[in-house]
């Protein structure tokens, strides 16, 4: 055997060992990459859960409270005063406090993340709020004057005409929140399944890598000595 052939043979073995080492390093890199991607995915899932609570659950409470303020604190108050179940002063105080709180609660709702569909409904609501506010001010004036005849006419002709459109539209927003929350939940479920798959792949790659290292440990030593 010539010296040239011997040199070539030794060189080929080293190249083969380097190839195996690079293959192992590839496994390590892929496994690390999958692990990092999994962590990033878990962070996104956590953010999605925060979104469900902060941008869907809390707004549901806010919309419910605003709707109750119109339907209970204003409409019911008008009826109770008309029927003599509530005094004029107590009824007036209740309506005044309610009309003061509604804009504050609505402003809090608008601070949450709004999808495009919500924004369209909100634009419609803004004009409806203006009509409802006009009715609330009219009711406050009637209660201040303690005019039972005017109150009876207001309840019969004006009260529901401007209040019902607001509560109905708030109900539509309420249902929209539930639907969007479900969509976010379903999206995070898919993300979780993907993350679980990544985790499984990382474990499998780790097992393969450990097996290769154990089976080839003598060759690693030889390779290191040759380098």
Protein backbone atom coordinates (compact mmCIF):
# COMPACT_ATOMS: atom_id res chain seq x y z
CA UNK A 1 0.00 0.00 0.00
CA UNK A 2 1.42 3.35 -1.01
CA UNK A 3 1.90 6.28 1.32
CA UNK A 4 -0.54 8.28 -0.74
CA UNK A 5 -3.27 5.69 -0.22
CA UNK A 6 -2.57 5.48 3.50
CA UNK A 7 -2.81 9.27 3.79
CA UNK A 8 -6.09 9.29 1.85
CA UNK A 9 -7.55 6.52 4.03
CA UNK A 10 -6.72 8.33 7.28
CA UNK A 11 -8.09 11.58 5.86
CA UNK A 12 -11.37 9.88 4.87
CA UNK A 13 -11.90 8.50 8.37
CA UNK A 14 -11.40 11.92 9.90
CA UNK A 15 -13.84 13.45 7.43
CA UNK A 16 -16.40 10.76 8.24
CA UNK A 17 -16.04 11.37 11.94
CA UNK A 18 -16.35 15.10 11.43
CA UNK A 19 -19.52 14.46 9.46
CA UNK A 20 -20.97 12.41 12.32
CA UNK A 21 -20.01 15.14 14.77
CA UNK A 22 -21.68 17.77 12.59
CA UNK A 23 -24.76 15.54 12.41
CA UNK A 24 -24.90 15.37 16.19
CA UNK A 25 -24.48 19.12 16.43
CA UNK A 26 -27.34 19.48 13.96
CA UNK A 27 -29.52 17.37 16.25
CA UNK A 28 -28.51 19.57 19.16
CA UNK A 29 -29.29 22.75 17.23
CA UNK A 30 -32.66 21.46 16.03
CA UNK A 31 -33.57 20.30 19.53
CA UNK A 32 -32.57 23.64 21.03
CA UNK A 33 -34.48 25.47 18.31
CA UNK A 34 -37.60 23.43 18.98
CA UNK A 35 -37.23 24.09 22.69
CA UNK A 36 -36.94 27.84 22.15
CA UNK A 37 -39.91 27.78 19.77
CA UNK A 38 -41.91 25.86 22.35
CA UNK A 39 -41.12 28.43 25.05
CA UNK A 40 -42.11 31.23 22.69
CA UNK A 41 -45.33 29.41 21.88
CA UNK A 42 -46.14 28.93 25.57
CA UNK A 43 -45.60 32.66 26.13
CA UNK A 44 -48.04 33.41 23.31
CA UNK A 45 -50.58 31.02 24.84
CA UNK A 46 -50.26 32.82 28.17
CA UNK A 47 -50.79 36.16 26.44
CA UNK A 48 -53.86 34.71 24.75
CA UNK A 49 -55.31 33.73 28.12
CA UNK A 50 -54.66 37.25 29.40
CA UNK A 51 -56.44 38.59 26.33
CA UNK A 52 -59.51 36.47 27.04
CA UNK A 53 -59.76 37.86 30.56
CA UNK A 54 -58.74 41.49 30.02
CA UNK A 55 -60.33 42.09 26.61
CA UNK A 56 -63.34 39.74 26.76
CA UNK A 57 -64.36 38.77 30.30
CA UNK A 58 -64.00 42.23 31.86
CA UNK A 59 -65.80 43.94 28.93
CA UNK A 60 -68.67 41.48 29.41
CA UNK A 61 -69.05 42.74 32.98
CA UNK A 62 -68.83 46.36 31.85
CA UNK A 63 -71.43 45.93 29.11
CA UNK A 64 -73.75 44.11 31.52
CA UNK A 65 -73.45 46.92 34.06
CA UNK A 66 -74.09 49.63 31.45
CA UNK A 67 -77.13 47.76 30.14
CA UNK A 68 -78.45 47.35 33.70
CA UNK A 69 -77.99 51.06 34.32
CA UNK A 70 -80.30 51.86 31.44
CA UNK A 71 -82.72 49.00 31.97
CA UNK A 72 -82.89 49.06 35.78
CA UNK A 73 -81.62 52.36 37.15
CA UNK A 74 -83.37 54.54 34.59
CA UNK A 75 -86.37 52.59 33.23
CA UNK A 76 -87.34 50.92 36.51
CA UNK A 77 -86.81 54.14 38.45
CA UNK A 78 -89.25 55.97 36.15
CA UNK A 79 -91.88 53.27 36.71
CA UNK A 80 -91.34 53.11 40.48
CA UNK A 81 -91.71 56.87 40.87
CA UNK A 82 -94.82 56.84 38.65
CA UNK A 83 -96.35 54.03 40.72
CA UNK A 84 -95.44 55.72 44.01
CA UNK A 85 -92.97 53.03 45.08
CA UNK A 86 -90.05 55.50 45.08
CA UNK A 87 -90.00 59.15 46.10
CA UNK A 88 -89.36 61.92 43.59
CA UNK A 89 -86.09 62.93 45.23
CA UNK A 90 -84.77 59.36 45.46
CA UNK A 91 -85.72 58.71 41.85
CA UNK A 92 -84.06 61.92 40.68
CA UNK A 93 -80.88 61.12 42.61
CA UNK A 94 -80.74 57.62 41.14
CA UNK A 95 -81.12 58.88 37.56
CA UNK A 96 -78.52 61.64 38.03
CA UNK A 97 -75.94 59.23 39.48
CA UNK A 98 -76.62 56.72 36.73
CA UNK A 99 -76.19 59.23 33.90
CA UNK A 100 -72.89 60.28 35.51
CA UNK A 101 -71.55 56.71 35.79
CA UNK A 102 -72.49 55.48 32.32
CA UNK A 103 -69.91 57.60 30.39
CA UNK A 104 -67.20 56.56 32.86
CA UNK A 105 -67.92 52.86 32.42
CA UNK A 106 -68.19 53.24 28.67
CA UNK A 107 -64.79 54.95 28.57
CA UNK A 108 -63.29 52.01 30.49
CA UNK A 109 -64.77 49.60 27.97
CA UNK A 110 -63.27 51.55 25.06
CA UNK A 111 -59.78 51.10 26.57
CA UNK A 112 -59.89 47.36 25.89
CA UNK A 113 -58.72 45.80 22.64
CA UNK A 114 -61.47 46.28 20.05
CA UNK A 115 -61.88 44.19 16.91
CA UNK A 116 -63.15 45.84 13.72
CA UNK A 117 -66.64 44.42 14.17
CA UNK A 118 -66.84 45.96 17.63
CA UNK A 119 -65.75 49.33 16.30
CA UNK A 120 -68.60 49.35 13.79
CA UNK A 121 -71.17 48.60 16.49
CA UNK A 122 -69.61 51.25 18.75
CA UNK A 123 -70.05 53.87 16.04
CA UNK A 124 -73.74 52.99 15.89
CA UNK A 125 -73.98 53.09 19.67
CA UNK A 126 -72.51 56.57 19.96
CA UNK A 127 -75.50 58.14 18.21
CA UNK A 128 -77.90 55.96 20.20
CA UNK A 129 -76.23 57.07 23.43
CA UNK A 130 -76.88 60.69 22.48
CA UNK A 131 -80.62 60.01 22.12
CA UNK A 132 -80.69 58.03 25.38
CA UNK A 133 -78.86 60.84 27.20
CA UNK A 134 -81.44 63.32 25.94
CA UNK A 135 -84.20 61.11 27.36
CA UNK A 136 -82.34 60.77 30.67
CA UNK A 137 -82.04 64.56 30.98
CA UNK A 138 -85.71 64.93 30.14
CA UNK A 139 -86.58 62.39 32.82
CA UNK A 140 -84.39 64.22 35.35
CA UNK A 141 -86.24 67.47 34.63
CA UNK A 142 -89.63 65.78 35.07
CA UNK A 143 -88.54 64.23 38.36
CA UNK A 144 -87.21 67.58 39.53
CA UNK A 145 -90.58 69.22 38.75
CA UNK A 146 -92.43 66.26 40.30
CA UNK A 147 -94.89 66.34 37.41
CA UNK A 148 -96.79 63.03 37.48
CA UNK A 149 -98.77 63.72 34.31
CA UNK A 150 -95.60 64.54 32.36
CA UNK A 151 -93.92 61.45 33.80
CA UNK A 152 -96.79 59.20 32.72
CA UNK A 153 -96.67 60.61 29.20
CA UNK A 154 -92.88 60.30 29.09
CA UNK A 155 -92.96 56.65 30.19
CA UNK A 156 -95.62 55.82 27.64
CA UNK A 157 -94.20 57.64 24.60
CA UNK A 158 -90.52 58.50 25.05
CA UNK A 159 -88.77 56.23 27.54
CA UNK A 160 -88.51 52.97 25.60
CA UNK A 161 -88.12 54.61 22.19
CA UNK A 162 -84.61 55.83 23.05
CA UNK A 163 -83.54 53.34 25.72
CA UNK A 164 -84.40 50.03 24.01
CA UNK A 165 -82.14 50.60 20.96
CA UNK A 166 -79.20 51.14 23.33
CA UNK A 167 -79.84 48.02 25.42
CA UNK A 168 -80.42 45.95 22.27
CA UNK A 169 -77.15 47.12 20.73
CA UNK A 170 -75.32 46.50 24.01
CA UNK A 171 -76.77 42.99 23.92
CA UNK A 172 -75.31 42.53 20.44
CA UNK A 173 -71.90 43.64 21.74
CA UNK A 174 -72.28 41.23 24.65
CA UNK A 175 -72.86 38.29 22.30
CA UNK A 176 -69.97 39.43 20.14
CA UNK A 177 -67.65 39.34 23.15
CA UNK A 178 -68.66 35.75 23.84
CA UNK A 179 -68.06 34.74 20.23
CA UNK A 180 -64.65 36.45 20.02
CA UNK A 181 -63.62 34.89 23.35
CA UNK A 182 -64.50 31.46 21.93
CA UNK A 183 -62.45 32.18 18.80
CA UNK A 184 -59.44 33.18 20.92
CA UNK A 185 -59.85 30.07 23.07
CA UNK A 186 -60.01 27.80 20.00
CA UNK A 187 -56.93 29.48 18.56
CA UNK A 188 -54.98 28.95 21.79
CA UNK A 189 -56.07 25.30 21.86
CA UNK A 190 -54.51 24.78 18.42
CA UNK A 191 -51.40 26.62 19.55
CA UNK A 192 -51.19 24.39 22.63
CA UNK A 193 -51.45 21.25 20.50
CA UNK A 194 -48.67 22.56 18.26
CA UNK A 195 -46.54 23.33 21.31
CA UNK A 196 -47.19 19.83 22.64
CA UNK A 197 -46.02 18.38 19.32
CA UNK A 198 -42.86 20.47 19.50
CA UNK A 199 -42.22 19.26 23.02
CA UNK A 200 -42.63 15.64 21.93
CA UNK A 201 -40.28 16.18 19.00
CA UNK A 202 -37.70 17.74 21.34
CA UNK A 203 -37.86 14.72 23.64
CA UNK A 204 -37.49 12.27 20.74
CA UNK A 205 -34.50 14.16 19.36
CA UNK A 206 -32.93 14.25 22.81
CA UNK A 207 -33.32 10.48 23.13
CA UNK A 208 -31.78 9.93 19.70
CA UNK A 209 -28.90 12.24 20.55
CA UNK A 210 -28.22 10.51 23.87
CA UNK A 211 -28.32 7.12 22.16
CA UNK A 212 -25.82 8.23 19.52
CA UNK A 213 -23.49 9.66 22.16
CA UNK A 214 -23.60 6.47 24.25
CA UNK A 215 -23.07 4.14 21.28
CA UNK A 216 -20.34 6.23 19.70
CA UNK A 217 -18.49 7.45 22.80
CA UNK A 218 -15.33 5.51 21.91
CA UNK A 219 -15.28 7.03 18.46
CA UNK A 220 -15.65 10.53 19.97
CA UNK A 221 -12.51 9.89 22.01
CA UNK A 222 -10.62 8.66 18.96
CA UNK A 223 -11.81 11.65 16.98
CA UNK A 224 -10.74 14.08 19.68
CA UNK A 225 -7.32 12.40 19.87
CA UNK A 226 -6.91 12.65 16.10
CA UNK A 227 -7.76 16.36 16.18
